[in-house]
Protein backbone atom coordinates (compact mmCIF):
# COMPACT_ATOMS: atom_id res chain seq x y z
CA MET A 1 -12.45 15.78 -12.74
CA MET A 2 -10.20 12.89 -11.73
CA ALA A 3 -11.44 9.31 -11.60
CA GLY A 4 -11.16 9.13 -7.82
CA GLN A 5 -13.48 12.09 -7.41
CA GLU A 6 -16.01 10.63 -9.82
CA VAL A 7 -16.12 7.34 -7.94
CA THR A 8 -16.56 8.78 -4.47
CA GLY A 9 -18.27 12.10 -5.04
CA LYS A 10 -15.94 13.60 -2.43
CA SER A 11 -12.99 15.97 -2.61
CA THR A 12 -9.70 14.18 -3.06
CA ASP A 13 -8.42 15.36 0.33
CA SER A 14 -11.41 13.86 2.09
CA VAL A 15 -11.03 10.65 0.07
CA VAL A 16 -7.48 10.22 1.36
CA ARG A 17 -8.31 11.08 4.96
CA ASP A 18 -11.33 8.77 4.95
CA ALA A 19 -9.65 5.81 3.26
CA ALA A 20 -6.55 6.16 5.45
CA ARG A 21 -8.36 4.52 8.38
CA LEU A 22 -7.00 1.30 6.89
CA SER A 23 -4.58 0.93 4.01
CA VAL A 24 -2.57 -1.90 2.50
CA ALA A 25 1.11 -1.06 2.25
CA PRO A 26 2.96 -0.78 -1.06
CA MET A 27 5.01 -3.99 -1.35
CA MET A 28 7.42 -4.68 -4.18
CA ASP A 29 6.52 -7.73 -6.29
CA TRP A 30 3.28 -8.13 -4.34
CA THR A 31 0.82 -5.25 -4.61
CA ASP A 32 0.48 -5.27 -8.38
CA ARG A 33 -2.85 -4.59 -10.09
CA HIS A 34 -4.00 -8.21 -9.78
CA CYS A 35 -3.34 -8.23 -6.04
CA ARG A 36 -5.15 -4.92 -5.61
CA PHE A 37 -8.24 -6.10 -7.53
CA PHE A 38 -8.32 -9.18 -5.28
CA HIS A 39 -8.00 -7.07 -2.14
CA ARG A 40 -10.71 -4.69 -3.29
CA LEU A 41 -13.24 -7.52 -3.41
CA MET A 42 -12.73 -7.94 0.34
CA SER A 43 -12.84 -4.27 1.32
CA ARG A 44 -14.60 -1.47 -0.52
CA ARG A 45 -13.07 1.24 1.66
CA ALA A 46 -9.40 0.53 2.41
CA MET A 47 -6.81 2.58 0.53
CA LEU A 48 -4.71 0.42 -1.80
CA TYR A 49 -1.17 1.31 -2.90
CA THR A 50 0.82 0.41 -5.96
CA GLU A 51 4.26 -1.09 -5.75
CA MET A 52 6.88 1.66 -5.64
CA VAL A 53 7.64 2.98 -9.13
CA THR A 54 10.67 5.20 -9.63
CA ALA A 55 10.20 8.58 -11.25
CA PRO A 56 12.69 7.79 -14.05
CA ALA A 57 10.78 4.58 -14.83
CA VAL A 58 7.54 6.54 -15.23
CA ILE A 59 9.26 9.09 -17.45
CA HIS A 60 11.19 6.68 -19.67
CA GLY A 61 9.54 3.29 -19.19
CA PRO A 62 6.40 1.50 -20.46
CA LYS A 63 3.78 3.77 -18.92
CA PRO A 64 0.66 1.61 -19.36
CA ARG A 65 2.40 -1.42 -17.86
CA LEU A 66 3.57 0.64 -14.88
CA LEU A 67 0.50 2.78 -14.30
CA ASP A 68 -2.62 0.99 -15.56
CA PHE A 69 -5.17 -0.21 -13.04
CA SER A 70 -8.80 -1.29 -12.97
CA PRO A 71 -11.45 1.34 -12.11
CA GLN A 72 -12.69 -0.97 -9.33
CA GLU A 73 -9.43 -0.44 -7.43
CA HIS A 74 -10.36 3.07 -6.22
CA PRO A 75 -9.40 4.48 -3.79
CA ILE A 76 -5.84 3.87 -4.97
CA ALA A 77 -2.51 5.61 -4.44
CA LEU A 78 0.56 5.65 -6.67
CA GLN A 79 3.81 5.41 -4.74
CA LEU A 80 6.80 7.07 -6.39
CA GLY A 81 10.48 6.77 -5.58
CA GLY A 82 12.99 9.49 -6.34
CA SER A 83 14.89 12.49 -5.01
CA ASP A 84 15.04 14.84 -7.99
CA PRO A 85 12.24 17.41 -7.74
CA ARG A 86 12.12 17.89 -11.51
CA GLU A 87 11.90 14.16 -12.21
CA LEU A 88 9.24 13.64 -9.57
CA ALA A 89 7.23 16.57 -10.93
CA ALA A 90 7.45 15.12 -14.43
CA ALA A 91 6.33 11.70 -13.19
CA VAL A 92 3.34 13.22 -11.40
CA ARG A 93 2.44 15.18 -14.53
CA ILE A 94 2.50 11.98 -16.59
CA ALA A 95 0.46 10.04 -14.01
CA ARG A 96 -2.31 12.64 -13.87
CA GLU A 97 -4.30 11.12 -16.72
CA TRP A 98 -4.49 7.77 -14.93
CA GLY A 99 -6.65 9.27 -12.18
CA TYR A 100 -5.01 8.08 -8.98
CA ASP A 101 -6.56 9.31 -5.74
CA GLU A 102 -3.22 10.02 -4.07
CA ILE A 103 0.46 10.31 -4.98
CA ASN A 104 2.85 9.05 -2.29
CA LEU A 105 6.59 9.67 -1.97
CA ASN A 106 8.67 6.80 -0.58
CA VAL A 107 10.94 7.99 2.23
CA GLY A 108 11.08 4.65 3.99
CA CYS A 109 12.59 1.89 1.84
CA PRO A 110 16.05 0.86 3.13
CA SER A 111 17.28 -1.36 0.27
CA ASP A 112 20.79 -0.89 -1.12
CA ARG A 113 19.44 -0.19 -4.60
CA VAL A 114 17.21 2.55 -3.28
CA GLN A 115 20.03 4.05 -1.23
CA SER A 116 22.35 4.13 -4.23
CA GLY A 117 19.70 6.13 -6.05
CA CYS A 118 19.49 8.54 -3.10
CA PHE A 119 15.85 7.92 -2.31
CA GLY A 120 13.83 5.93 0.16
CA ALA A 121 14.83 5.95 3.84
CA VAL A 122 18.12 7.76 3.22
CA LEU A 123 16.03 10.87 2.58
CA MET A 124 15.22 11.00 6.30
CA GLU A 125 18.68 12.61 6.53
CA ARG A 126 17.66 15.28 4.01
CA PRO A 127 14.32 16.75 5.06
CA GLN A 128 14.79 19.94 3.05
CA LEU A 129 15.30 17.90 -0.11
CA VAL A 130 12.09 16.00 0.68
CA ALA A 131 10.32 19.34 1.12
CA ASP A 132 11.62 20.48 -2.26
CA CYS A 133 10.48 17.23 -3.86
CA VAL A 134 6.95 17.33 -2.51
CA SER A 135 6.61 21.01 -3.33
CA ALA A 136 7.41 20.23 -6.96
CA MET A 137 5.03 17.25 -6.93
CA ILE A 138 2.18 19.25 -5.41
CA ALA A 139 2.56 21.87 -8.13
CA GLU A 140 1.76 19.18 -10.72
CA SER A 141 -0.80 17.13 -8.82
CA PRO A 142 -4.58 17.57 -8.72
CA VAL A 143 -4.74 15.03 -5.86
CA PRO A 144 -3.03 14.96 -2.45
CA VAL A 145 0.69 14.28 -2.29
CA THR A 146 1.59 12.24 0.79
CA VAL A 147 4.77 10.84 2.34
CA LYS A 148 5.62 7.43 3.78
CA CYS A 149 8.61 7.67 6.11
CA ARG A 150 10.50 6.05 9.00
CA ILE A 151 10.99 7.51 12.48
CA GLY A 152 14.68 7.95 11.65
CA VAL A 153 17.74 6.15 10.33
CA ASP A 154 21.00 4.84 11.80
CA GLU A 155 22.24 6.97 14.72
CA GLN A 156 19.54 9.61 14.43
CA GLN A 157 17.48 10.32 17.53
CA PRO A 158 13.88 9.80 16.39
CA GLU A 159 12.37 12.00 19.09
CA ALA A 160 14.31 14.94 17.58
CA VAL A 161 14.42 13.95 13.92
CA LEU A 162 10.81 12.95 13.33
CA PRO A 163 9.10 16.15 14.53
CA ASP A 164 11.57 18.26 12.56
CA PHE A 165 10.92 16.14 9.46
CA LEU A 166 7.13 16.43 9.82
CA ASP A 167 7.37 20.17 10.38
CA ARG A 168 9.58 20.89 7.38
CA VAL A 169 7.75 18.65 4.95
CA SER A 170 4.29 19.74 6.07
CA ARG A 171 5.32 23.36 5.52
CA ALA A 172 5.86 22.38 1.88
CA GLY A 173 2.20 21.35 1.66
CA VAL A 174 1.95 17.70 2.72
CA ARG A 175 -0.98 17.02 5.05
CA HIS A 176 -0.87 13.21 5.29
CA PHE A 177 2.04 11.07 6.46
CA ILE A 178 2.36 7.31 6.90
CA ILE A 179 4.97 6.66 9.58
CA HIS A 180 6.67 3.28 9.84
CA ALA A 181 7.28 3.15 13.59
CA ARG A 182 10.82 1.76 13.25
CA LYS A 183 14.20 3.20 12.46
CA ALA A 184 15.87 2.02 9.28
CA TRP A 185 19.46 0.85 9.60
CA LEU A 186 21.03 1.66 6.26
CA GLN A 187 24.18 -0.34 6.99
CA GLY A 188 24.22 -3.85 8.37
CA LEU A 189 20.57 -4.88 7.99
CA SER A 190 18.77 -6.26 4.96
CA PRO A 191 15.36 -4.84 3.92
CA LYS A 192 13.73 -7.90 5.52
CA GLU A 193 15.65 -7.37 8.77
CA ASN A 194 14.71 -3.69 8.69
CA ARG A 195 11.07 -4.75 8.84
CA GLU A 196 11.63 -6.88 11.93
CA ILE A 197 14.73 -6.06 13.99
CA PRO A 198 14.62 -2.32 14.82
CA PRO A 199 12.21 -1.96 17.75
CA LEU A 200 8.80 -0.46 17.20
CA ASP A 201 8.12 2.88 18.87
CA TYR A 202 4.38 3.31 18.81
CA PRO A 203 4.36 5.87 21.66
CA LEU A 204 6.51 8.23 19.59
CA VAL A 205 4.15 8.03 16.62
CA HIS A 206 1.15 8.58 18.90
CA GLN A 207 2.94 11.61 20.36
CA MET A 208 3.41 13.02 16.87
CA LYS A 209 -0.35 12.98 16.40
CA ARG A 210 -0.76 14.95 19.61
CA ASP A 211 1.97 17.39 18.57
CA PHE A 212 0.67 17.80 15.01
CA PRO A 213 -3.11 17.60 15.39
CA HIS A 214 -3.63 19.43 12.09
CA LEU A 215 -1.91 16.64 10.15
CA SER A 216 -3.39 13.30 9.14
CA LEU A 217 -1.01 10.68 10.52
CA CYS A 218 -1.15 6.96 9.77
CA LEU A 219 0.84 4.35 11.69
CA ASN A 220 2.63 1.49 9.93
CA GLY A 221 4.67 -1.43 11.23
CA GLY A 222 3.93 -4.57 13.22
CA VAL A 223 0.13 -4.42 13.06
CA THR A 224 -1.21 -7.84 12.11
CA THR A 225 -4.87 -7.88 13.19
CA LEU A 226 -7.99 -5.77 12.85
CA ALA A 227 -8.04 -5.51 16.63
CA GLY A 228 -4.60 -3.92 16.41
CA VAL A 229 -5.86 -1.48 13.81
CA ARG A 230 -8.72 -0.48 16.07
CA SER A 231 -6.47 0.01 19.07
CA HIS A 232 -4.33 2.57 17.24
CA LEU A 233 -7.40 4.36 15.90
CA GLU A 234 -8.78 4.51 19.41
CA ALA A 235 -5.43 5.94 20.57
CA GLY A 236 -5.98 8.89 18.22
CA MET A 237 -4.23 7.89 15.01
CA ASP A 238 -6.00 8.84 11.79
CA GLY A 239 -5.19 5.54 10.19
CA VAL A 240 -3.19 2.32 10.16
CA MET A 241 -1.31 0.76 7.26
CA VAL A 242 -0.94 -3.03 7.25
CA GLY A 243 1.64 -4.80 5.10
CA ARG A 244 2.60 -8.46 5.13
CA ALA A 245 -0.36 -9.62 7.23
CA ALA A 246 -2.76 -8.20 4.64
CA TYR A 247 -0.94 -10.14 1.93
CA HIS A 248 -0.37 -13.50 3.63
CA ASP A 249 -3.74 -13.65 5.43
CA PRO A 250 -5.89 -11.13 3.57
CA ALA A 251 -9.25 -12.38 4.80
CA SER A 252 -8.38 -11.76 8.45
CA ILE A 253 -7.46 -8.14 7.75
CA LEU A 254 -9.74 -7.09 4.91
CA ILE A 255 -12.94 -9.12 5.28
CA GLY A 256 -14.95 -7.21 7.85
CA ALA A 257 -12.60 -4.21 7.75
CA ASP A 258 -15.32 -2.00 6.30
CA ALA A 259 -16.90 -2.00 9.75
CA LEU A 260 -14.24 0.63 10.53
CA TRP A 261 -16.37 2.92 8.36
CA GLY A 262 -19.66 1.66 9.80
CA GLU A 263 -20.38 -0.64 6.86
CA ASP A 264 -21.23 -4.34 6.97
CA HIS A 265 -19.56 -5.44 3.73
CA ALA A 266 -17.95 -8.76 4.67
CA PRO A 267 -18.04 -11.26 1.80
CA ASP A 268 -17.45 -14.96 2.32
CA PRO A 269 -14.02 -16.01 0.94
CA LEU A 270 -15.83 -18.32 -1.49
CA ALA A 271 -17.67 -15.28 -2.82
CA VAL A 272 -14.35 -13.52 -3.25
CA VAL A 273 -13.11 -16.41 -5.40
CA ALA A 274 -16.32 -16.23 -7.44
CA GLY A 275 -15.75 -12.50 -7.89
CA MET A 276 -12.26 -13.16 -9.22
CA ARG A 277 -13.37 -15.62 -11.89
CA PRO A 278 -14.50 -13.08 -14.55
CA TYR A 279 -11.36 -11.02 -13.93
CA ILE A 280 -9.17 -14.11 -14.31
CA ALA A 281 -11.04 -15.17 -17.45
CA ARG A 282 -10.40 -11.78 -19.06
CA HIS A 283 -6.73 -11.95 -18.10
CA LEU A 284 -6.35 -15.42 -19.63
CA ALA A 285 -8.22 -14.40 -22.77
CA GLY A 286 -5.73 -11.54 -23.17
CA GLY A 287 -2.79 -13.93 -23.11
CA GLY A 288 -2.00 -13.72 -19.40
CA ARG A 289 -0.97 -16.62 -17.16
CA LEU A 290 -3.08 -17.95 -14.30
CA HIS A 291 -0.19 -17.86 -11.86
CA GLN A 292 0.17 -14.10 -12.31
CA ILE A 293 -3.09 -13.68 -10.41
CA THR A 294 -3.46 -16.75 -8.21
CA ARG A 295 -0.05 -16.27 -6.56
CA HIS A 296 -1.70 -13.42 -4.66
CA MET A 297 -4.63 -15.62 -3.58
CA LEU A 298 -2.71 -18.40 -1.82
CA GLY A 299 -3.44 -17.06 1.68
CA LEU A 300 -7.16 -16.48 1.25
CA PHE A 301 -8.20 -19.48 3.37
CA THR A 302 -5.39 -19.29 5.94
CA GLY A 303 -6.47 -20.93 9.19
CA ARG A 304 -9.54 -22.50 7.61
CA ALA A 305 -10.39 -26.04 6.58
CA GLY A 306 -8.93 -26.83 3.19
CA ALA A 307 -6.30 -24.07 3.23
CA ARG A 308 -3.40 -26.46 2.61
CA HIS A 309 -5.19 -28.13 -0.30
CA TRP A 310 -6.02 -24.70 -1.77
CA ARG A 311 -2.40 -23.51 -1.59
CA ARG A 312 -0.97 -26.77 -2.94
CA MET A 313 -3.32 -27.01 -5.91
CA LEU A 314 -2.76 -23.39 -6.92
CA SER A 315 1.00 -23.56 -6.39
CA GLU A 316 1.38 -26.74 -8.41
CA GLY A 317 -1.20 -26.14 -11.11
CA ALA A 318 -1.42 -22.44 -11.88
CA SER A 319 2.02 -22.10 -13.46
CA ARG A 320 1.53 -24.94 -15.93
CA GLU A 321 1.16 -24.10 -19.60
CA GLY A 322 -2.49 -23.57 -20.48
CA ALA A 323 -3.70 -23.57 -16.86
CA GLY A 324 -7.20 -22.14 -16.58
CA LEU A 325 -10.14 -21.79 -14.23
CA GLU A 326 -10.33 -25.55 -13.78
CA VAL A 327 -7.27 -25.25 -11.51
CA ILE A 328 -9.27 -23.02 -9.20
CA ASP A 329 -12.18 -25.45 -9.28
CA ARG A 330 -9.90 -28.28 -8.15
CA ALA A 331 -8.35 -26.09 -5.47
CA LEU A 332 -11.79 -25.31 -4.09
CA GLU A 333 -12.75 -28.95 -3.72
CA GLY A 334 -11.25 -29.17 -0.25
CA VAL A 335 -12.48 -25.77 0.94
CA THR A 336 -15.66 -25.52 2.96
CA ALA A 337 -14.85 -22.83 5.51
CA THR A 338 -16.68 -19.51 5.72
CA VAL A 339 -15.96 -16.29 7.63
């Protein structure tokens, strides 16, 4: 039995469908294991995603460094990048012993490096290859294999491309898709611009849920508040994935989010800091640096009294040689706000 099943007592398919009501997007350089542990203290129920890891990196790279996570992070999904079915299958086979609750294939990243490797958003142009990839992954995975995609790329017509993509890939066995409600422009826009410039098309994504009621569909892109999450759930979506807002202002998205599941878990931000202290102490005792964790905590008090002092003290003090928990104590001196 995989770790995710042991933690929840539910089948892995139901874990994914349940946790998908709210998820935090995979974000390179941001959603590492320290960030995820921090986020989990605020929400017990949201699905958390790793940074994207390429299949070749899993096969040939330092596996513990790439795949290790804390048991408290469940439910957690591993996002893989790649376009070779055999490599992706091998990566899934390797990752099995880590006990992730979900394996996700990236079909949405528009960066030049990803394009040159023929994976990410460019795969929207090759739905049959995506189907072959997920079929190979499913054959090796004891947990659900899911796909994160765009509504289309470049000159594609999303209203034609997206339903065809969902149909082909779901026939290969995928039952859960996260759809970023923007096109990706593979030429002419940077990854940052691709997150902001192409217009959002929420109605199209909502229509896909009506057209594919048997699939679990999660909307991603442009949602920055819990009220926005609720509005899409009320419109019929199975879930909403939040990215940058959950990182830069995590309390506003994650504290109180468990109400989406009918639970009242809503810790005070000060309690979240207290919950991080033992984790940070263990990290420092193992030779880690304070900044590796606290860089993810800068936005915890956004919009609250003392937020500027908190950010400044952590930014200036956490990267210094030998910095320890006393830096956090000083940062907290100006913080009095509660949720």
